[in-house]
Protein backbone atom coordinates (compact mmCIF):
# COMPACT_ATOMS: atom_id res chain seq x y z
CA MET A 1 52.55 -49.23 29.11
CA SER A 2 51.07 -47.66 32.19
CA GLY A 3 53.17 -45.52 34.48
CA ASP A 4 53.46 -48.24 37.14
CA GLY A 5 55.29 -50.66 34.86
CA GLY A 6 52.18 -52.75 34.07
CA THR A 7 50.50 -53.02 30.72
CA GLU A 8 47.20 -51.48 29.80
CA ARG A 9 44.65 -53.83 28.31
CA MET A 10 43.68 -53.04 24.74
CA PRO A 11 39.90 -52.69 24.37
CA HIS A 12 38.16 -55.56 22.64
CA PRO A 13 36.69 -54.51 19.24
CA ASN A 14 33.19 -55.31 20.51
CA GLU A 15 33.70 -52.94 23.44
CA GLU A 16 34.67 -50.22 20.98
CA LEU A 17 31.60 -50.94 18.83
CA VAL A 18 29.24 -50.66 21.79
CA ARG A 19 30.89 -47.47 23.08
CA ARG A 20 30.63 -45.99 19.57
CA ALA A 21 26.93 -46.91 19.37
CA TYR A 22 26.17 -45.07 22.62
CA ARG A 23 28.31 -42.11 21.56
CA GLU A 24 26.58 -41.83 18.17
CA PHE A 25 23.15 -42.05 19.75
CA GLY A 26 24.16 -39.33 22.20
CA VAL A 27 24.85 -36.93 19.33
CA GLY A 28 21.75 -37.96 17.39
CA ASN A 29 23.50 -39.88 14.62
CA LEU A 30 20.82 -42.55 14.23
CA ALA A 31 22.11 -43.63 10.81
CA ALA A 32 25.43 -44.59 12.39
CA VAL A 33 23.66 -46.43 15.21
CA ARG A 34 21.49 -48.29 12.72
CA SER A 35 24.58 -49.47 10.83
CA MET A 36 25.78 -51.15 14.04
CA LEU A 37 22.59 -53.23 14.43
CA THR A 38 21.64 -56.50 12.78
CA GLU A 39 18.46 -56.48 10.67
CA ASP A 40 16.77 -58.73 13.27
CA VAL A 41 18.06 -56.97 16.41
CA VAL A 42 15.91 -57.56 19.52
CA TRP A 43 16.07 -55.25 22.53
CA HIS A 44 14.31 -56.12 25.79
CA PHE A 45 13.18 -53.15 27.90
CA PRO A 46 11.44 -54.06 31.18
CA GLY A 47 8.82 -51.99 32.93
CA ALA A 48 5.17 -51.19 33.25
CA VAL A 49 5.35 -47.87 31.39
CA THR A 50 8.25 -47.94 28.92
CA GLY A 51 8.65 -51.72 28.84
CA GLU A 52 8.74 -53.19 25.39
CA GLU A 53 10.51 -55.80 23.33
CA THR A 54 11.55 -54.21 20.06
CA HIS A 55 12.28 -56.13 16.86
CA GLY A 56 14.42 -54.67 14.09
CA PRO A 57 16.43 -51.45 13.89
CA GLU A 58 13.51 -49.16 13.02
CA GLU A 59 11.37 -50.34 15.94
CA LEU A 60 14.29 -50.06 18.37
CA LEU A 61 15.26 -46.57 17.25
CA ALA A 62 11.62 -45.43 17.30
CA HIS A 63 11.27 -46.69 20.89
CA VAL A 64 14.43 -44.93 22.09
CA VAL A 65 13.51 -41.71 20.29
CA SER A 66 10.02 -41.79 21.86
CA VAL A 67 11.56 -42.12 25.34
CA TYR A 68 13.92 -39.26 24.50
CA LEU A 69 10.99 -37.08 23.43
CA ARG A 70 8.95 -38.00 26.53
CA SER A 71 11.85 -36.71 28.61
CA GLY A 72 11.77 -33.40 26.74
CA GLY A 73 15.23 -34.23 25.43
CA SER A 74 16.72 -34.41 28.92
CA ILE A 75 17.55 -38.12 29.04
CA THR A 76 21.23 -39.05 29.01
CA TRP A 77 23.14 -42.29 29.38
CA GLU A 78 26.58 -42.09 30.99
CA ILE A 79 28.51 -45.26 30.28
CA THR A 80 30.73 -46.18 33.22
CA GLU A 81 31.95 -49.62 32.15
CA VAL A 82 32.02 -51.75 29.01
CA ALA A 83 33.40 -55.28 29.21
CA ALA A 84 33.59 -57.94 26.51
CA ASP A 85 32.92 -61.54 27.45
CA GLY A 86 34.27 -63.66 24.62
CA ASP A 87 33.65 -62.82 21.00
CA ASP A 88 29.90 -62.29 21.12
CA ARG A 89 28.94 -60.73 24.47
CA VAL A 90 29.42 -57.30 26.01
CA THR A 91 28.18 -56.01 29.36
CA VAL A 92 27.52 -52.30 29.74
CA ARG A 93 27.05 -50.48 33.02
CA GLY A 94 25.98 -46.88 33.24
CA ILE A 95 23.81 -44.17 34.70
CA MET A 96 20.62 -42.90 33.12
CA ARG A 97 19.49 -39.39 34.01
CA ALA A 98 16.32 -37.59 32.97
CA SER A 99 13.90 -34.95 34.14
CA ARG A 100 10.28 -34.27 33.28
CA ASP A 101 7.29 -32.53 34.86
CA GLY A 102 9.44 -31.22 37.73
CA ARG A 103 10.76 -34.69 38.59
CA ALA A 104 14.32 -35.96 38.25
CA LEU A 105 15.55 -39.50 37.82
CA GLU A 106 19.01 -40.98 38.21
CA ASP A 107 19.31 -44.74 38.01
CA THR A 108 22.13 -47.15 37.29
CA PHE A 109 21.62 -49.87 34.71
CA THR A 110 23.27 -52.90 33.19
CA GLU A 111 22.79 -54.03 29.61
CA GLU A 112 23.74 -57.46 28.39
CA ILE A 113 24.49 -57.24 24.68
CA ARG A 114 24.96 -60.09 22.23
CA LEU A 115 26.76 -59.46 18.95
CA ARG A 116 26.74 -61.31 15.67
CA ASP A 117 29.01 -60.66 12.69
CA GLY A 118 30.37 -57.48 14.28
CA ARG A 119 26.95 -55.90 14.94
CA ILE A 120 24.55 -55.71 17.88
CA ALA A 121 21.99 -58.53 17.63
CA GLU A 122 20.25 -58.52 21.02
CA ALA A 123 20.25 -56.63 24.31
CA ARG A 124 18.59 -56.88 27.68
CA HIS A 125 18.26 -53.70 29.72
CA HIS A 126 18.30 -54.09 33.53
CA PRO A 127 17.65 -50.94 35.57
CA ARG A 128 18.63 -50.97 39.24
CA ASP A 129 15.29 -49.54 40.42
CA GLN A 130 12.48 -50.53 38.05
CA ALA A 131 9.80 -49.18 40.41
CA ALA A 132 11.40 -45.71 40.42
CA LEU A 133 11.59 -45.82 36.63
CA ASP A 134 7.91 -46.77 36.34
CA ARG A 135 6.92 -43.93 38.73
CA PHE A 136 9.02 -41.44 36.78
CA TRP A 137 7.55 -42.33 33.39
CA SER A 138 3.90 -42.65 34.55
């Protein structure tokens, strides 16, 4: 119960899974992240510079690690909202921050995630300002 007499909503298990995936990636536990992905996971990253569609856990993790390394380890993702939509969809909103070569980037993003059998099967990343992202990474 919340202090105002209302009830607090219990998080959906898929929301917890997605939050845990981001948390584990943030501490570098790629084995834990991999265990949360289906074998045929597809992740859609837009953009002229870092845009890619990855297939499978190894390709996805390699892509994200390469972006992390390009940022000199400065990139972070702050998750501000996670909301389940039924039993197989989760929407994530957050803020990505990074710096490199004397430049700083802060951009909000939305990710639409589809789950299957309790694991992440597909995601689409939508940055707020794709042009700023492309300039930053070029």
